[in-house]
Amino acid sequence: MSPAFAIDLVRQALLTSFWLCLPLLAVGFVAGIVISLIQTVTAIQDSAFGAVPRLAVFLAAFLIALPWMLGKWMSYTTLLLGDLSKYAR
């Protein structure tokens, strides 16, 4: 396996993991901003008020994005394990 091939393999793995995490991170970021704004406007400083809605939104986004994430993950795994002979060179 040449160094260029190994670098491309690692780059592809990092890009796949980035695309798998991006929807959940974006939803978590937006939910965090919205909940923080609501807490600031209403002057509610209860930690449960911030944590529970964030977790609920994150879980909902995970369940909605799960089929897409599994499809992306399976296509990457199929591509990676599809031709094992190219790793032996």
N, C-alpha and C. Protein backbone atom coordinates (compact mmCIF):
# COMPACT_ATOMS: atom_id res chain seq x y z
N MET A 1 0.86 -1.16 0.00
CA MET A 1 0.00 0.00 0.00
C MET A 1 0.91 1.23 0.00
N SER A 2 0.68 2.08 -0.95
CA SER A 2 1.51 3.28 -1.05
C SER A 2 1.05 4.33 -0.04
N PRO A 3 1.95 5.27 0.30
CA PRO A 3 1.55 6.33 1.24
C PRO A 3 0.40 7.18 0.71
N ALA A 4 0.38 7.42 -0.60
CA ALA A 4 -0.71 8.22 -1.18
C ALA A 4 -2.05 7.51 -1.04
N PHE A 5 -2.04 6.19 -1.21
CA PHE A 5 -3.27 5.42 -1.06
C PHE A 5 -3.74 5.42 0.39
N ALA A 6 -2.80 5.30 1.33
CA ALA A 6 -3.15 5.32 2.74
C ALA A 6 -3.71 6.68 3.15
N ILE A 7 -3.13 7.75 2.64
CA ILE A 7 -3.61 9.10 2.92
C ILE A 7 -5.01 9.28 2.35
N ASP A 8 -5.24 8.79 1.15
CA ASP A 8 -6.57 8.90 0.55
C ASP A 8 -7.60 8.08 1.33
N LEU A 9 -7.19 6.95 1.84
CA LEU A 9 -8.09 6.11 2.64
C LEU A 9 -8.48 6.82 3.94
N VAL A 10 -7.52 7.42 4.61
CA VAL A 10 -7.80 8.16 5.85
C VAL A 10 -8.63 9.40 5.55
N ARG A 11 -8.33 10.09 4.46
CA ARG A 11 -9.10 11.28 4.09
C ARG A 11 -10.56 10.91 3.82
N GLN A 12 -10.78 9.82 3.13
CA GLN A 12 -12.14 9.38 2.83
C GLN A 12 -12.87 8.99 4.12
N ALA A 13 -12.18 8.35 5.05
CA ALA A 13 -12.80 7.98 6.33
C ALA A 13 -13.18 9.22 7.13
N LEU A 14 -12.31 10.22 7.15
CA LEU A 14 -12.60 11.46 7.88
C LEU A 14 -13.75 12.23 7.24
N LEU A 15 -13.79 12.28 5.92
CA LEU A 15 -14.89 12.97 5.25
C LEU A 15 -16.22 12.26 5.48
N THR A 16 -16.21 10.94 5.47
CA THR A 16 -17.44 10.20 5.72
C THR A 16 -17.92 10.45 7.15
N SER A 17 -17.02 10.43 8.11
CA SER A 17 -17.44 10.68 9.49
C SER A 17 -17.92 12.12 9.66
N PHE A 18 -17.31 13.07 8.95
CA PHE A 18 -17.77 14.46 9.00
C PHE A 18 -19.19 14.58 8.48
N TRP A 19 -19.49 13.96 7.34
CA TRP A 19 -20.82 14.05 6.76
C TRP A 19 -21.85 13.31 7.60
N LEU A 20 -21.44 12.26 8.31
CA LEU A 20 -22.37 11.56 9.18
C LEU A 20 -22.72 12.37 10.42
N CYS A 21 -21.78 13.13 10.94
CA CYS A 21 -22.00 13.91 12.16
C CYS A 21 -22.59 15.28 11.90
N LEU A 22 -22.44 15.81 10.72
CA LEU A 22 -22.84 17.19 10.43
C LEU A 22 -24.31 17.49 10.71
N PRO A 23 -25.27 16.68 10.28
CA PRO A 23 -26.67 17.03 10.57
C PRO A 23 -26.98 17.09 12.07
N LEU A 24 -26.44 16.15 12.82
CA LEU A 24 -26.71 16.15 14.26
C LEU A 24 -26.03 17.32 14.96
N LEU A 25 -24.82 17.64 14.55
CA LEU A 25 -24.15 18.79 15.15
C LEU A 25 -24.85 20.09 14.82
N ALA A 26 -25.34 20.22 13.59
CA ALA A 26 -26.05 21.45 13.20
C ALA A 26 -27.35 21.59 13.97
N VAL A 27 -28.10 20.51 14.11
CA VAL A 27 -29.35 20.57 14.86
C VAL A 27 -29.08 20.86 16.33
N GLY A 28 -28.06 20.25 16.89
CA GLY A 28 -27.71 20.52 18.28
C GLY A 28 -27.28 21.96 18.50
N PHE A 29 -26.54 22.51 17.55
CA PHE A 29 -26.11 23.90 17.64
C PHE A 29 -27.29 24.85 17.60
N VAL A 30 -28.18 24.64 16.64
CA VAL A 30 -29.36 25.51 16.51
C VAL A 30 -30.26 25.39 17.73
N ALA A 31 -30.47 24.17 18.19
CA ALA A 31 -31.31 23.97 19.38
C ALA A 31 -30.69 24.64 20.60
N GLY A 32 -29.39 24.55 20.73
CA GLY A 32 -28.71 25.20 21.85
C GLY A 32 -28.87 26.71 21.82
N ILE A 33 -28.73 27.30 20.65
CA ILE A 33 -28.90 28.75 20.51
C ILE A 33 -30.32 29.16 20.85
N VAL A 34 -31.30 28.43 20.32
CA VAL A 34 -32.71 28.77 20.56
C VAL A 34 -33.05 28.63 22.04
N ILE A 35 -32.64 27.54 22.68
CA ILE A 35 -32.93 27.33 24.09
C ILE A 35 -32.24 28.40 24.94
N SER A 36 -31.02 28.74 24.60
CA SER A 36 -30.32 29.80 25.34
C SER A 36 -31.01 31.15 25.20
N LEU A 37 -31.49 31.46 24.00
CA LEU A 37 -32.23 32.70 23.81
C LEU A 37 -33.52 32.71 24.62
N ILE A 38 -34.22 31.59 24.64
CA ILE A 38 -35.46 31.50 25.42
C ILE A 38 -35.15 31.66 26.91
N GLN A 39 -34.08 31.04 27.38
CA GLN A 39 -33.70 31.18 28.78
C GLN A 39 -33.33 32.62 29.11
N THR A 40 -32.66 33.29 28.21
CA THR A 40 -32.26 34.66 28.45
C THR A 40 -33.47 35.59 28.48
N VAL A 41 -34.38 35.41 27.54
CA VAL A 41 -35.55 36.28 27.45
C VAL A 41 -36.48 36.07 28.65
N THR A 42 -36.68 34.81 29.06
CA THR A 42 -37.61 34.54 30.15
C THR A 42 -36.95 34.55 31.53
N ALA A 43 -35.64 34.68 31.58
CA ALA A 43 -34.86 34.71 32.83
C ALA A 43 -35.02 33.42 33.63
N ILE A 44 -35.23 32.30 32.95
CA ILE A 44 -35.29 30.99 33.59
C ILE A 44 -33.87 30.41 33.54
N GLN A 45 -33.30 30.15 34.69
CA GLN A 45 -31.93 29.63 34.73
C GLN A 45 -31.87 28.19 35.23
N ASP A 46 -32.95 27.46 35.08
CA ASP A 46 -32.99 26.06 35.49
C ASP A 46 -32.20 25.23 34.48
N SER A 47 -31.31 24.38 34.97
CA SER A 47 -30.47 23.59 34.05
C SER A 47 -31.29 22.53 33.33
N ALA A 48 -32.33 22.00 33.97
CA ALA A 48 -33.17 20.99 33.32
C ALA A 48 -33.95 21.59 32.15
N PHE A 49 -34.30 22.86 32.25
CA PHE A 49 -35.01 23.52 31.16
C PHE A 49 -34.14 23.60 29.91
N GLY A 50 -32.86 23.67 30.07
CA GLY A 50 -31.98 23.71 28.90
C GLY A 50 -31.60 22.34 28.39
N ALA A 51 -31.42 21.39 29.29
CA ALA A 51 -30.90 20.08 28.89
C ALA A 51 -31.96 19.20 28.24
N VAL A 52 -33.14 19.18 28.81
CA VAL A 52 -34.18 18.26 28.33
C VAL A 52 -34.62 18.59 26.90
N PRO A 53 -34.92 19.84 26.56
CA PRO A 53 -35.29 20.12 25.16
C PRO A 53 -34.15 19.86 24.17
N ARG A 54 -32.93 20.15 24.57
CA ARG A 54 -31.79 19.88 23.68
C ARG A 54 -31.67 18.40 23.40
N LEU A 55 -31.80 17.59 24.43
CA LEU A 55 -31.73 16.14 24.25
C LEU A 55 -32.88 15.62 23.40
N ALA A 56 -34.07 16.17 23.61
CA ALA A 56 -35.23 15.74 22.83
C ALA A 56 -35.06 16.10 21.35
N VAL A 57 -34.58 17.30 21.07
CA VAL A 57 -34.36 17.71 19.68
C VAL A 57 -33.26 16.87 19.04
N PHE A 58 -32.21 16.61 19.80
CA PHE A 58 -31.11 15.79 19.28
C PHE A 58 -31.59 14.37 18.97
N LEU A 59 -32.40 13.80 19.86
CA LEU A 59 -32.94 12.45 19.63
C LEU A 59 -33.86 12.42 18.42
N ALA A 60 -34.70 13.44 18.29
CA ALA A 60 -35.60 13.50 17.12
C ALA A 60 -34.80 13.62 15.83
N ALA A 61 -33.78 14.46 15.83
CA ALA A 61 -32.94 14.61 14.63
C ALA A 61 -32.20 13.31 14.32
N PHE A 62 -31.76 12.62 15.36
CA PHE A 62 -31.08 11.35 15.15
C PHE A 62 -32.01 10.32 14.52
N LEU A 63 -33.23 10.25 15.02
CA LEU A 63 -34.19 9.28 14.48
C LEU A 63 -34.60 9.62 13.05
N ILE A 64 -34.69 10.91 12.74
CA ILE A 64 -35.05 11.32 11.38
C ILE A 64 -33.89 11.07 10.41
N ALA A 65 -32.67 11.34 10.85
CA ALA A 65 -31.51 11.21 9.97
C ALA A 65 -30.94 9.80 9.94
N LEU A 66 -31.42 8.91 10.79
CA LEU A 66 -30.85 7.57 10.89
C LEU A 66 -30.87 6.78 9.58
N PRO A 67 -31.96 6.77 8.81
CA PRO A 67 -31.91 6.01 7.54
C PRO A 67 -30.86 6.54 6.57
N TRP A 68 -30.74 7.86 6.48
CA TRP A 68 -29.73 8.45 5.60
C TRP A 68 -28.33 8.13 6.10
N MET A 69 -28.13 8.22 7.41
CA MET A 69 -26.82 7.94 7.98
C MET A 69 -26.42 6.48 7.77
N LEU A 70 -27.37 5.57 7.95
CA LEU A 70 -27.07 4.16 7.73
C LEU A 70 -26.76 3.86 6.27
N GLY A 71 -27.49 4.50 5.37
CA GLY A 71 -27.20 4.32 3.95
C GLY A 71 -25.82 4.82 3.57
N LYS A 72 -25.45 5.97 4.10
CA LYS A 72 -24.12 6.53 3.82
C LYS A 72 -23.03 5.64 4.42
N TRP A 73 -23.26 5.16 5.62
CA TRP A 73 -22.30 4.30 6.30
C TRP A 73 -22.14 2.97 5.58
N MET A 74 -23.25 2.40 5.12
CA MET A 74 -23.19 1.14 4.41
C MET A 74 -22.51 1.28 3.05
N SER A 75 -22.75 2.39 2.36
CA SER A 75 -22.08 2.58 1.07
C SER A 75 -20.58 2.75 1.26
N TYR A 76 -20.17 3.43 2.32
CA TYR A 76 -18.74 3.57 2.60
C TYR A 76 -18.12 2.21 2.94
N THR A 77 -18.81 1.44 3.76
CA THR A 77 -18.29 0.13 4.15
C THR A 77 -18.22 -0.80 2.95
N THR A 78 -19.22 -0.76 2.09
CA THR A 78 -19.21 -1.58 0.88
C THR A 78 -18.06 -1.17 -0.03
N LEU A 79 -17.83 0.12 -0.17
CA LEU A 79 -16.71 0.60 -0.99
C LEU A 79 -15.38 0.18 -0.39
N LEU A 80 -15.29 0.26 0.94
CA LEU A 80 -14.04 -0.06 1.61
C LEU A 80 -13.72 -1.55 1.55
N LEU A 81 -14.73 -2.39 1.78
CA LEU A 81 -14.51 -3.82 1.83
C LEU A 81 -14.82 -4.52 0.51
N GLY A 82 -15.22 -3.77 -0.49
CA GLY A 82 -15.59 -4.36 -1.76
C GLY A 82 -14.45 -5.05 -2.48
N ASP A 83 -13.28 -4.50 -2.42
CA ASP A 83 -12.12 -5.06 -3.11
C ASP A 83 -10.94 -5.07 -2.13
N LEU A 84 -10.84 -6.10 -1.35
CA LEU A 84 -9.78 -6.17 -0.35
C LEU A 84 -8.40 -6.39 -0.97
N SER A 85 -8.35 -6.83 -2.22
CA SER A 85 -7.05 -7.10 -2.83
C SER A 85 -6.23 -5.84 -3.05
N LYS A 86 -6.89 -4.69 -3.17
CA LYS A 86 -6.13 -3.46 -3.39
C LYS A 86 -5.36 -3.02 -2.14
N TYR A 87 -5.74 -3.53 -0.97
CA TYR A 87 -5.01 -3.19 0.26
C TYR A 87 -3.78 -4.08 0.47
N ALA A 88 -3.74 -5.19 -0.19
CA ALA A 88 -2.63 -6.14 -0.03
C ALA A 88 -1.41 -5.77 -0.87
N ARG A 89 -1.58 -4.88 -1.80
CA ARG A 89 -0.45 -4.53 -2.68
C ARG A 89 0.57 -3.69 -2.00
